[in-house]
Protein backbone atom coordinates (compact mmCIF):
# COMPACT_ATOMS: atom_id res chain seq x y z
CA UNK A 1 169.48 356.12 78.70
CA UNK A 2 165.84 355.94 79.78
CA UNK A 3 166.83 356.42 83.41
CA UNK A 4 169.08 359.36 82.53
CA UNK A 5 166.18 360.88 80.57
CA UNK A 6 163.88 360.39 83.57
CA UNK A 7 166.37 362.17 85.84
CA UNK A 8 166.79 365.05 83.40
CA UNK A 9 163.00 365.42 83.15
CA UNK A 10 162.92 365.77 86.93
CA UNK A 11 164.96 368.93 86.41
CA UNK A 12 168.44 367.71 87.34
CA UNK A 13 171.24 368.21 84.80
CA UNK A 14 174.39 367.26 86.72
CA UNK A 15 176.41 364.92 84.46
CA UNK A 16 177.60 363.06 87.56
CA UNK A 17 174.22 361.31 87.46
CA UNK A 18 175.90 358.79 85.15
CA UNK A 19 177.98 357.52 88.07
CA UNK A 20 174.73 356.46 89.76
CA UNK A 21 173.60 354.14 86.99
CA UNK A 22 175.10 351.10 88.69
CA UNK A 23 172.67 351.76 91.53
CA UNK A 24 169.59 352.61 89.47
CA UNK A 25 170.03 349.92 86.82
CA UNK A 26 170.79 346.21 87.12
CA UNK A 27 173.86 344.84 85.34
CA UNK A 28 175.41 348.27 84.85
CA UNK A 29 178.87 348.55 86.37
CA UNK A 30 182.10 350.54 86.15
CA UNK A 31 183.06 349.12 82.72
CA UNK A 32 179.79 350.20 81.11
CA UNK A 33 179.90 353.62 82.73
CA UNK A 34 183.55 354.25 81.82
CA UNK A 35 182.94 353.15 78.21
CA UNK A 36 179.93 355.46 78.03
CA UNK A 37 181.88 358.38 79.47
CA UNK A 38 184.98 357.77 77.35
CA UNK A 39 182.89 357.77 74.16
CA UNK A 40 181.58 361.22 75.06
CA UNK A 41 184.99 362.76 75.84
CA UNK A 42 187.02 360.83 73.23
CA UNK A 43 187.78 364.01 71.26
CA UNK A 44 189.19 365.80 74.30
CA UNK A 45 191.26 362.76 75.26
CA UNK A 46 192.70 362.56 71.74
CA UNK A 47 193.63 366.25 71.88
CA UNK A 48 195.38 365.79 75.24
CA UNK A 49 197.20 362.70 73.94
CA UNK A 50 198.46 364.52 70.84
CA UNK A 51 199.76 367.44 72.94
CA UNK A 52 201.51 365.10 75.39
CA UNK A 53 203.19 363.08 72.61
CA UNK A 54 204.33 366.22 70.82
CA UNK A 55 205.86 367.59 74.02
CA UNK A 56 207.73 364.35 74.76
CA UNK A 57 208.77 363.41 71.23
CA UNK A 58 206.56 360.34 70.94
CA UNK A 59 205.86 359.36 67.29
CA UNK A 60 202.27 359.93 66.14
CA UNK A 61 200.29 359.82 62.93
CA UNK A 62 196.76 360.27 61.68
CA UNK A 63 194.73 357.32 60.53
CA UNK A 64 193.06 357.34 57.16
CA UNK A 65 189.47 358.50 57.32
CA UNK A 66 189.73 362.03 58.62
CA UNK A 67 191.06 361.46 62.13
CA UNK A 68 191.37 364.93 63.67
CA UNK A 69 194.35 364.30 65.96
CA UNK A 70 197.66 362.51 65.39
CA UNK A 71 197.97 359.64 67.87
CA UNK A 72 200.54 356.97 68.77
CA UNK A 73 199.94 353.50 67.30
CA UNK A 74 200.85 349.89 68.06
CA UNK A 75 200.36 346.45 66.53
CA UNK A 76 198.18 344.09 68.56
CA UNK A 77 198.73 340.33 68.82
CA UNK A 78 196.85 339.81 65.55
CA UNK A 79 199.06 342.26 63.69
CA UNK A 80 196.32 344.88 63.47
CA UNK A 81 197.37 348.49 63.98
CA UNK A 82 195.53 350.26 66.80
CA UNK A 83 195.66 353.78 68.24
CA UNK A 84 196.52 354.68 71.82
CA UNK A 85 194.58 357.33 73.72
CA UNK A 86 195.96 358.50 77.08
CA UNK A 87 193.75 359.30 80.07
CA UNK A 88 194.91 361.87 82.66
CA UNK A 89 195.22 360.44 86.13
CA UNK A 90 193.23 363.24 87.73
CA UNK A 91 190.01 362.18 85.99
CA UNK A 92 190.33 358.51 86.94
CA UNK A 93 188.42 357.66 90.07
CA UNK A 94 186.47 354.89 91.67
CA UNK A 95 182.72 354.59 91.12
CA UNK A 96 181.48 353.82 94.65
CA UNK A 97 177.86 353.37 93.59
CA UNK A 98 178.67 350.62 91.16
CA UNK A 99 181.18 348.79 93.35
CA UNK A 100 179.88 348.81 96.87
CA UNK A 101 176.27 349.19 98.06
CA UNK A 102 177.43 349.97 101.61
CA UNK A 103 179.14 353.13 100.31
CA UNK A 104 176.02 354.52 98.68
CA UNK A 105 173.83 353.60 101.64
CA UNK A 106 176.22 355.28 104.07
CA UNK A 107 176.38 358.40 101.91
CA UNK A 108 172.60 358.70 101.70
CA UNK A 109 172.02 357.91 105.38
CA UNK A 110 174.35 360.75 106.35
CA UNK A 111 171.69 363.19 105.10
CA UNK A 112 168.70 363.49 107.45
CA UNK A 113 166.14 364.41 104.77
CA UNK A 114 167.04 361.44 102.61
CA UNK A 115 167.21 359.13 105.63
CA UNK A 116 163.73 360.21 106.78
CA UNK A 117 162.22 359.66 103.33
CA UNK A 118 163.81 356.21 103.03
CA UNK A 119 162.49 355.25 106.47
CA UNK A 120 159.03 356.40 105.39
CA UNK A 121 159.13 354.07 102.38
CA UNK A 122 160.32 351.21 104.59
CA UNK A 123 157.75 351.88 107.31
CA UNK A 124 155.59 348.83 106.59
CA UNK A 125 158.46 346.36 106.27
CA UNK A 126 159.55 344.65 109.49
CA UNK A 127 162.88 343.30 108.23
CA UNK A 128 163.81 345.12 105.00
CA UNK A 129 166.24 343.34 102.71
CA UNK A 130 169.03 345.01 100.73
CA UNK A 131 166.67 345.02 97.72
CA UNK A 132 163.98 346.72 99.81
CA UNK A 133 166.44 349.40 100.96
CA UNK A 134 167.70 349.97 97.43
CA UNK A 135 164.14 350.37 96.13
CA UNK A 136 163.28 352.78 98.95
CA UNK A 137 166.37 354.88 98.33
CA UNK A 138 165.68 354.99 94.60
CA UNK A 139 162.10 356.11 95.24
CA UNK A 140 163.26 358.81 97.63
CA UNK A 141 165.91 360.10 95.23
CA UNK A 142 163.52 360.18 92.27
CA UNK A 143 160.81 362.15 94.07
CA UNK A 144 161.98 365.50 92.74
CA UNK A 145 164.93 367.34 91.24
CA UNK A 146 165.73 368.76 94.68
CA UNK A 147 165.80 365.32 96.32
CA UNK A 148 167.86 363.86 93.49
CA UNK A 149 170.41 366.67 93.66
CA UNK A 150 170.57 366.23 97.42
CA UNK A 151 171.14 362.50 96.96
CA UNK A 152 173.79 363.08 94.28
CA UNK A 153 175.64 365.61 96.40
CA UNK A 154 175.69 363.16 99.33
CA UNK A 155 177.30 360.55 97.10
CA UNK A 156 179.82 363.01 95.65
CA UNK A 157 180.86 364.00 99.17
CA UNK A 158 181.89 360.37 99.73
CA UNK A 159 183.65 359.95 96.38
CA UNK A 160 187.15 361.01 95.40
CA UNK A 161 189.81 360.34 92.81
CA UNK A 162 191.52 356.97 92.84
CA UNK A 163 194.60 357.14 95.07
CA UNK A 164 197.36 355.43 93.08
CA UNK A 165 199.64 355.28 96.11
CA UNK A 166 197.13 353.41 98.26
CA UNK A 167 195.75 351.38 95.34
CA UNK A 168 192.89 350.07 97.49
CA UNK A 169 191.53 347.88 94.70
CA UNK A 170 194.92 346.52 93.61
CA UNK A 171 194.80 347.71 89.98
CA UNK A 172 198.40 348.92 89.91
CA UNK A 173 199.66 345.85 91.74
CA UNK A 174 197.94 343.75 89.07
CA UNK A 175 199.63 345.79 86.34
CA UNK A 176 203.02 345.32 88.03
CA UNK A 177 202.49 341.56 88.34
CA UNK A 178 201.42 341.13 84.73
CA UNK A 179 204.45 343.03 83.44
CA UNK A 180 206.98 341.42 85.80
CA UNK A 181 208.84 338.12 85.66
CA UNK A 182 206.12 335.63 86.59
CA UNK A 183 208.40 332.59 86.72
CA UNK A 184 207.87 332.43 90.50
CA UNK A 185 204.18 331.86 89.89
CA UNK A 186 204.65 328.99 87.44
CA UNK A 187 204.88 325.29 88.11
CA UNK A 188 206.37 322.43 86.13
CA UNK A 189 203.55 320.17 87.24
CA UNK A 190 201.57 318.59 84.39
CA UNK A 191 197.85 317.82 84.49
CA UNK A 192 196.05 315.09 82.56
CA UNK A 193 192.74 316.73 81.75
CA UNK A 194 191.60 313.71 79.77
CA UNK A 195 191.03 311.94 83.09
CA UNK A 196 188.07 314.19 83.95
CA UNK A 197 187.14 317.34 85.78
CA UNK A 198 189.00 316.25 88.93
CA UNK A 199 192.27 317.22 87.24
CA UNK A 200 190.94 320.74 86.65
CA UNK A 201 189.87 320.92 90.29
CA UNK A 202 193.41 319.89 91.28
CA UNK A 203 194.94 322.59 89.06
CA UNK A 204 192.63 325.26 90.50
CA UNK A 205 193.57 324.18 94.02
CA UNK A 206 197.22 324.54 93.01
CA UNK A 207 196.60 328.12 91.84
CA UNK A 208 195.02 328.93 95.19
CA UNK A 209 197.88 327.20 97.05
CA UNK A 210 200.37 329.36 95.14
CA UNK A 211 198.49 332.52 96.14
CA UNK A 212 198.21 331.30 99.73
CA UNK A 213 201.95 330.59 99.88
CA UNK A 214 202.94 334.06 98.68
CA UNK A 215 200.52 335.74 101.10
CA UNK A 216 201.37 333.64 104.15
CA UNK A 217 205.07 332.91 103.60
CA UNK A 218 206.12 335.85 101.44
CA UNK A 219 205.36 339.55 101.51
CA UNK A 220 202.27 339.57 99.36
CA UNK A 221 200.09 340.16 102.42
CA UNK A 222 201.40 343.75 102.37
CA UNK A 223 199.53 344.33 99.09
CA UNK A 224 196.26 343.49 100.85
CA UNK A 225 196.57 346.24 103.48
CA UNK A 226 196.63 350.03 103.31
CA UNK A 227 197.19 352.35 106.30
CA UNK A 228 196.58 349.47 108.71
CA UNK A 229 193.20 348.62 107.14
CA UNK A 230 192.42 345.66 104.85
CA UNK A 231 191.99 346.61 101.21
CA UNK A 232 188.77 345.78 99.46
CA UNK A 233 187.99 342.28 98.29
CA UNK A 234 188.81 343.29 94.72
CA UNK A 235 192.53 343.70 95.54
CA UNK A 236 192.97 340.06 96.57
CA UNK A 237 190.91 338.88 93.59
CA UNK A 238 193.01 340.78 91.06
CA UNK A 239 196.34 339.59 92.47
CA UNK A 240 195.09 336.01 92.54
CA UNK A 241 193.92 336.38 88.94
CA UNK A 242 197.41 337.42 87.82
CA UNK A 243 198.87 334.25 89.38
CA UNK A 244 196.13 331.88 88.21
CA UNK A 245 196.45 333.16 84.66
CA UNK A 246 200.00 331.75 84.50
CA UNK A 247 198.67 328.25 85.22
CA UNK A 248 195.85 328.65 82.73
CA UNK A 249 198.10 329.80 79.88
CA UNK A 250 200.51 326.91 80.49
CA UNK A 251 197.69 324.33 80.53
CA UNK A 252 195.28 325.78 77.96
CA UNK A 253 192.55 326.35 80.54
CA UNK A 254 190.12 329.23 80.25
CA UNK A 255 189.80 331.54 83.25
CA UNK A 256 186.92 334.02 83.27
CA UNK A 257 186.84 336.62 86.06
CA UNK A 258 183.36 337.81 87.04
CA UNK A 259 181.65 335.42 84.63
CA UNK A 260 177.86 335.79 84.71
CA UNK A 261 176.23 332.41 84.19
CA UNK A 262 172.71 333.77 84.70
CA UNK A 263 172.78 333.73 88.50
CA UNK A 264 175.04 336.74 88.93
CA UNK A 265 178.80 337.22 88.56
CA UNK A 266 180.98 334.51 90.13
CA UNK A 267 184.49 335.70 91.02
CA UNK A 268 186.24 333.13 88.79
CA UNK A 269 185.18 330.39 86.40
CA UNK A 270 187.78 327.87 85.19
CA UNK A 271 186.75 325.69 82.28
CA UNK A 272 187.98 323.15 79.73
CA UNK A 273 185.36 322.88 77.03
CA UNK A 274 181.67 323.28 77.85
CA UNK A 275 181.15 320.59 80.50
CA UNK A 276 184.17 320.90 82.81
CA UNK A 277 183.64 323.98 84.98
CA UNK A 278 185.08 324.87 88.38
CA UNK A 279 183.93 327.99 90.22
CA UNK A 280 185.93 329.97 92.78
CA UNK A 281 184.33 332.50 95.13
CA UNK A 282 186.63 334.68 97.26
CA UNK A 283 185.45 336.51 100.40
CA UNK A 284 187.06 338.72 103.01
CA UNK A 285 186.73 337.44 106.57
CA UNK A 286 184.65 340.44 107.63
CA UNK A 287 182.11 339.80 104.86
CA UNK A 288 179.04 337.60 104.64
CA UNK A 289 181.00 334.37 104.83
CA UNK A 290 178.16 332.03 105.81
CA UNK A 291 175.77 333.39 103.19
CA UNK A 292 178.53 333.28 100.58
CA UNK A 293 179.23 329.60 101.21
CA UNK A 294 175.77 328.31 102.08
CA UNK A 295 173.71 330.19 99.47
CA UNK A 296 175.67 332.36 97.04
CA UNK A 297 178.21 329.86 95.72
CA UNK A 298 175.53 327.15 95.46
CA UNK A 299 173.35 329.49 93.43
CA UNK A 300 176.24 330.18 91.05
CA UNK A 301 177.01 326.45 90.74
CA UNK A 302 173.41 325.68 89.86
CA UNK A 303 173.37 328.44 87.24
CA UNK A 304 176.69 327.16 85.79
CA UNK A 305 175.53 323.54 85.89
CA UNK A 306 178.49 322.30 87.87
CA UNK A 307 179.02 320.50 91.18
CA UNK A 308 182.53 321.84 91.66
CA UNK A 309 183.13 324.98 93.68
CA UNK A 310 185.91 326.30 95.91
CA UNK A 311 185.21 328.90 98.58
CA UNK A 312 188.26 330.99 99.52
CA UNK A 313 188.31 333.10 102.68
CA UNK A 314 190.96 335.81 102.99
CA UNK A 315 191.33 336.10 106.76
CA UNK A 316 192.38 339.50 108.09
CA UNK A 317 192.08 338.38 111.72
CA UNK A 318 188.36 338.87 112.24
CA UNK A 319 186.98 335.57 111.00
CA UNK A 320 185.60 334.59 114.41
CA UNK A 321 183.32 331.53 114.39
CA UNK A 322 182.37 331.88 110.72
CA UNK A 323 184.82 329.17 109.65
CA UNK A 324 183.39 326.66 112.13
CA UNK A 325 179.87 327.43 110.88
CA UNK A 326 180.59 326.80 107.21
CA UNK A 327 182.70 323.74 107.99
CA UNK A 328 179.70 322.35 109.84
CA UNK A 329 177.50 323.07 106.82
CA UNK A 330 179.97 321.28 104.57
CA UNK A 331 180.14 318.27 106.91
CA UNK A 332 176.33 318.02 106.98
CA UNK A 333 176.12 318.06 103.20
CA UNK A 334 178.79 315.40 102.81
CA UNK A 335 177.12 313.23 105.45
CA UNK A 336 173.85 313.52 103.54
CA UNK A 337 175.61 312.35 100.39
CA UNK A 338 175.43 315.76 98.73
CA UNK A 339 178.11 317.68 96.86
CA UNK A 340 179.85 320.25 99.06
CA UNK A 341 182.18 323.03 97.95
CA UNK A 342 185.76 322.96 99.24
CA UNK A 343 186.91 325.58 101.75
CA UNK A 344 190.32 327.26 101.73
CA UNK A 345 191.46 329.84 104.30
CA UNK A 346 194.31 332.25 103.54
CA UNK A 347 195.95 333.96 106.51
CA UNK A 348 196.33 337.58 105.38
CA UNK A 349 196.97 339.04 108.83
CA UNK A 350 199.78 341.57 109.11
CA UNK A 351 203.10 339.89 109.75
CA UNK A 352 206.56 340.76 110.96
CA UNK A 353 209.29 341.23 108.40
CA UNK A 354 211.06 338.06 107.30
CA UNK A 355 214.14 338.92 109.39
CA UNK A 356 212.03 339.12 112.58
CA UNK A 357 209.98 335.97 112.10
CA UNK A 358 210.86 332.95 114.23
């Protein structure tokens, strides 16, 4: 709110400024922004929902307490009655600022005036880090209302509504998996968690093996590509989460996606009680694989107070020598008597149809 106030005092009043908060503020992401936005437009959404339900004969009613619009209701798992509010597809879109720094940097760099100002702020830094570049871009954007509007327009030119057909982040594939028959993702294998954390590590490895099998031997790899280009990392993470959740429900294990243990959000944390924690970090092959294994996962493990981590690489065919580098790092750590995170590679390259495979 303070940042929004600062922007308004500059003289800018475009409500799209809210979509930039993930860039201007730490620990603000799509969930926070969408909650904030939904609270503001809740009345309009309720009105749209009521009209849609009336048109299609869907039962509605008003809650006690002066609710303005009649809405559909359902009972949750605790037997508590809740309302349903529908959101039109054409207002749902990705927030590129909050999800991917490369998007915002590319958008800003496409404008010469912004690029020149950022370069001026970075002039005394020989090798600017991502944090340095973010700070410089923030300073440039906040110089004046004109510069901020220019910056915002550059970002908006890169943004668009979420394409449900392409589903680049895998949200609709996740929905389909969660509502489908998940018996193919289950296992009859039993785990004795009383024997120690090693049994949890084994179960987590089994969840990854299940995902690997369906990607490499089945057709799940198709869900990781769109128009001949790999989907974003998020797509693989969400599909894996849907599978892993089956194991966790069957074995009373907690799975927390994007758990923040104080060192940033790890992709997945599996736990049984307070002490037994296993972390899983998943990277695309074209990403910062070495940094992810050597530094990032170790930082998360230290913050979570655990020695157990699994580093998963989703290989789209451009892994190069990155695998050899991190395997060498792992071998050095083991030789020195240190704990070293496991490495799993999933071959997500495009494949022939099952009928054409040898």
